[in-house]
């Protein structure tokens, strides 16, 4: 009697879980982190409340997104300092809110849109006072 046999593929019952199998989540693939125009910044400063950004959260910035569009978030360089905010137009004048930094060429200082915000990754921390 010969007990040897050949088979290919799965034998037995198929697992119900295989229908719901998902690809591994890769932040590198999701945000193209290896691209030379993508930067990851750690948030610091005080504007986070309006945008739900906490100290230490990760901000993913794309340098190619440097044309201001109303309602989008950007990193703007003003007098060699980086600011994060939302582009708003008021009476045909462009501002970075909530700081209300004027971005028009008529402004008294030099400003430049450095890049657009692609994503904000919140770093979880337990609220103070909770055990």
Protein backbone atom coordinates (compact mmCIF):
# COMPACT_ATOMS: atom_id res chain seq x y z
CA UNK A 1 0.00 0.00 0.00
CA UNK A 2 1.36 3.42 -0.99
CA UNK A 3 0.43 6.24 1.43
CA UNK A 4 2.13 8.98 -0.57
CA UNK A 5 -0.01 11.47 -2.48
CA UNK A 6 0.48 14.82 -4.17
CA UNK A 7 -1.65 17.91 -3.56
CA UNK A 8 -1.59 21.57 -4.44
CA UNK A 9 -3.15 24.42 -2.55
CA UNK A 10 -5.31 24.33 0.53
CA UNK A 11 -6.66 21.14 1.99
CA UNK A 12 -9.43 20.74 4.51
CA UNK A 13 -11.93 23.46 5.30
CA UNK A 14 -11.26 27.03 4.26
CA UNK A 15 -10.93 29.49 7.14
CA UNK A 16 -13.71 32.06 7.29
CA UNK A 17 -11.08 34.64 8.25
CA UNK A 18 -9.39 34.52 4.85
CA UNK A 19 -12.35 36.33 3.30
CA UNK A 20 -11.61 39.31 5.55
CA UNK A 21 -7.84 39.32 5.30
CA UNK A 22 -6.41 42.78 4.73
CA UNK A 23 -3.11 44.07 3.48
CA UNK A 24 -0.66 45.23 6.09
CA UNK A 25 -1.11 48.93 6.78
CA UNK A 26 2.05 50.76 5.80
CA UNK A 27 2.35 54.47 6.58
CA UNK A 28 5.27 54.56 4.17
CA UNK A 29 3.08 53.41 1.29
CA UNK A 30 0.03 55.39 2.40
CA UNK A 31 1.88 58.73 2.49
CA UNK A 32 4.81 58.00 0.08
CA UNK A 33 7.26 58.76 2.89
CA UNK A 34 10.28 57.89 0.72
CA UNK A 35 9.48 60.68 -1.74
CA UNK A 36 11.93 63.60 -1.47
CA UNK A 37 9.05 66.11 -1.22
CA UNK A 38 7.46 64.50 1.88
CA UNK A 39 8.50 65.62 5.38
CA UNK A 40 7.39 64.50 8.84
CA UNK A 41 7.30 67.15 11.55
CA UNK A 42 6.57 66.86 15.25
CA UNK A 43 4.00 69.48 16.25
CA UNK A 44 4.89 72.08 18.83
CA UNK A 45 3.46 75.46 19.72
CA UNK A 46 0.05 76.68 20.65
CA UNK A 47 -2.28 76.58 17.62
CA UNK A 48 -3.31 72.96 17.97
CA UNK A 49 -6.70 73.45 19.62
CA UNK A 50 -8.38 74.78 16.50
CA UNK A 51 -7.08 71.86 14.41
CA UNK A 52 -7.12 69.20 17.18
CA UNK A 53 -3.34 68.93 17.10
CA UNK A 54 -1.55 68.17 20.34
CA UNK A 55 2.06 68.76 21.29
CA UNK A 56 4.12 65.89 19.84
CA UNK A 57 1.65 64.82 17.10
CA UNK A 58 3.14 64.03 13.71
CA UNK A 59 2.40 66.35 10.78
CA UNK A 60 3.06 65.01 7.28
CA UNK A 61 3.89 67.83 4.86
CA UNK A 62 4.13 67.66 1.06
CA UNK A 63 6.40 70.36 -0.41
CA UNK A 64 4.73 70.00 -3.83
CA UNK A 65 1.47 71.36 -2.37
CA UNK A 66 2.63 74.98 -2.23
CA UNK A 67 -0.20 76.75 -4.07
CA UNK A 68 -2.60 78.11 -1.43
CA UNK A 69 -6.20 76.88 -1.67
CA UNK A 70 -8.87 78.24 0.66
CA UNK A 71 -9.76 75.87 3.49
CA UNK A 72 -6.61 73.72 3.18
CA UNK A 73 -3.88 73.55 5.83
CA UNK A 74 -0.31 74.63 5.07
CA UNK A 75 3.06 75.27 6.59
CA UNK A 76 4.05 78.87 5.86
CA UNK A 77 7.44 80.50 6.41
CA UNK A 78 7.11 84.04 7.77
CA UNK A 79 10.34 85.92 8.50
CA UNK A 80 12.25 82.59 8.69
CA UNK A 81 9.75 81.09 11.19
CA UNK A 82 7.45 78.17 10.38
CA UNK A 83 3.72 78.53 11.04
CA UNK A 84 0.93 76.01 10.55
CA UNK A 85 -2.57 77.10 9.71
CA UNK A 86 -5.49 77.23 7.32
CA UNK A 87 -5.64 79.48 4.25
CA UNK A 88 -8.55 81.93 4.38
CA UNK A 89 -9.55 84.75 2.03
CA UNK A 90 -11.18 87.84 3.52
CA UNK A 91 -12.10 90.74 1.22
CA UNK A 92 -9.81 89.40 -1.55
CA UNK A 93 -6.84 89.19 0.84
CA UNK A 94 -5.21 85.87 1.74
CA UNK A 95 -4.48 85.04 5.39
CA UNK A 96 -3.11 82.13 7.40
CA UNK A 97 -5.54 81.54 10.27
CA UNK A 98 -5.85 81.47 13.24
CA UNK A 99 -2.79 83.75 13.44
CA UNK A 100 -4.25 86.09 10.76
CA UNK A 101 -0.88 86.36 8.99
CA UNK A 102 -1.40 88.16 5.70
CA UNK A 103 0.12 86.25 2.77
CA UNK A 104 -0.36 88.82 0.00
CA UNK A 105 2.56 90.62 -1.61
CA UNK A 106 1.28 93.83 0.08
CA UNK A 107 2.24 92.49 3.52
CA UNK A 108 5.00 94.18 5.53
CA UNK A 109 7.00 90.95 5.83
CA UNK A 110 8.22 88.10 3.66
CA UNK A 111 6.05 84.98 3.61
CA UNK A 112 6.07 81.82 1.55
CA UNK A 113 3.88 78.70 1.50
CA UNK A 114 6.37 75.94 2.32
CA UNK A 115 4.09 72.91 1.84
CA UNK A 116 0.63 71.45 2.29
CA UNK A 117 -0.49 69.30 5.20
CA UNK A 118 -1.26 65.77 3.99
CA UNK A 119 -2.05 64.17 7.34
CA UNK A 120 -1.86 64.63 11.08
CA UNK A 121 -1.16 61.57 13.20
CA UNK A 122 -2.31 62.02 16.78
CA UNK A 123 0.00 60.47 19.36
CA UNK A 124 -2.23 58.98 22.05
CA UNK A 125 -1.66 60.00 25.61
CA UNK A 126 -3.87 59.27 28.56
CA UNK A 127 -5.68 62.39 29.82
CA UNK A 128 -4.28 63.75 33.07
CA UNK A 129 -6.07 62.64 36.22
CA UNK A 130 -7.20 59.29 34.81
CA UNK A 131 -5.63 56.34 36.59
